[in-house]
Amino acid sequence: MEIFITLLNLAYAIVGAFITLGFMIMGYKIFDKMTPFDTSKQLAEQNIAVGIVVGSIFIGLGIAIGLVIGMGLN
């Protein structure tokens, strides 16, 4: 029975990771639409300020969604 619970938690974490990646992609797309410049082009030109903002978006979304997934495992 314990192995079933462990496998169920593992499956839940894997699904949660894919959901988190999906939300990160959506957050990046929304940020790209909100800004007056092309975010991908600015990142390709190694604009440090844009890189810091995009990284912050990923960290913030990752923490928020990770907490939701973590609370669901309990």
Protein backbone atom coordinates (compact mmCIF):
# COMPACT_ATOMS: atom_id res chain seq x y z
CA MET A 1 0.00 0.00 0.00
CA GLU A 2 2.86 2.40 0.77
CA ILE A 3 4.37 1.91 -2.69
CA PHE A 4 1.02 2.87 -4.22
CA ILE A 5 0.95 6.12 -2.25
CA THR A 6 4.56 6.84 -3.25
CA LEU A 7 3.83 6.21 -6.94
CA LEU A 8 0.69 8.32 -6.74
CA ASN A 9 2.66 11.21 -5.21
CA LEU A 10 5.34 10.82 -7.90
CA ALA A 11 2.72 10.93 -10.66
CA TYR A 12 1.11 13.96 -9.03
CA ALA A 13 4.49 15.75 -8.87
CA ILE A 14 5.24 14.98 -12.54
CA VAL A 15 1.85 16.27 -13.66
CA GLY A 16 2.37 19.33 -11.45
CA ALA A 17 5.75 19.98 -13.06
CA PHE A 18 4.19 19.99 -16.52
CA ILE A 19 1.41 22.29 -15.33
CA THR A 20 4.04 24.61 -13.84
CA LEU A 21 5.94 24.70 -17.14
CA GLY A 22 2.69 25.51 -18.94
CA PHE A 23 1.96 28.40 -16.59
CA MET A 24 5.53 29.69 -17.01
CA ILE A 25 5.13 29.69 -20.79
CA MET A 26 1.78 31.45 -20.48
CA GLY A 27 3.28 34.04 -18.11
CA TYR A 28 6.12 34.72 -20.53
CA LYS A 29 3.69 35.11 -23.46
CA ILE A 30 1.49 37.50 -21.46
CA PHE A 31 4.54 39.53 -20.42
CA ASP A 32 5.69 39.62 -24.05
CA LYS A 33 2.29 40.94 -25.16
CA MET A 34 2.20 43.60 -22.41
CA THR A 35 5.59 45.13 -23.19
CA PRO A 36 6.12 47.52 -26.11
CA PHE A 37 9.31 45.71 -27.16
CA ASP A 38 10.03 42.19 -28.39
CA THR A 39 11.20 40.27 -25.35
CA SER A 40 12.81 37.46 -27.33
CA LYS A 41 14.80 39.94 -29.40
CA GLN A 42 15.96 41.78 -26.29
CA LEU A 43 17.06 38.51 -24.68
CA ALA A 44 18.94 37.57 -27.87
CA GLU A 45 20.72 40.95 -27.70
CA GLN A 46 21.71 40.05 -24.09
CA ASN A 47 19.74 42.83 -22.44
CA ILE A 48 20.46 42.18 -18.77
CA ALA A 49 17.47 44.14 -17.43
CA VAL A 50 14.99 42.14 -19.51
CA GLY A 51 16.73 38.92 -18.49
CA ILE A 52 16.38 39.77 -14.81
CA VAL A 53 12.67 40.57 -15.22
CA VAL A 54 11.96 37.37 -17.17
CA GLY A 55 13.92 35.34 -14.63
CA SER A 56 11.92 36.95 -11.84
CA ILE A 57 8.68 36.02 -13.58
CA PHE A 58 9.81 32.38 -13.82
CA ILE A 59 10.92 32.28 -10.19
CA GLY A 60 7.69 33.87 -8.95
CA LEU A 61 5.45 31.57 -10.95
CA GLY A 62 7.54 28.56 -9.99
CA ILE A 63 7.28 29.32 -6.30
CA ALA A 64 3.54 30.00 -6.46
CA ILE A 65 2.64 26.92 -8.47
CA GLY A 66 5.16 24.79 -6.54
CA LEU A 67 3.49 25.72 -3.27
CA VAL A 68 0.10 24.72 -4.66
CA ILE A 69 1.50 21.37 -5.80
CA GLY A 70 3.34 20.84 -2.52
CA MET A 71 0.23 21.53 -0.48
CA GLY A 72 -1.65 19.01 -2.61
CA LEU A 73 0.86 16.26 -1.74
CA ASN A 74 0.08 16.53 1.97
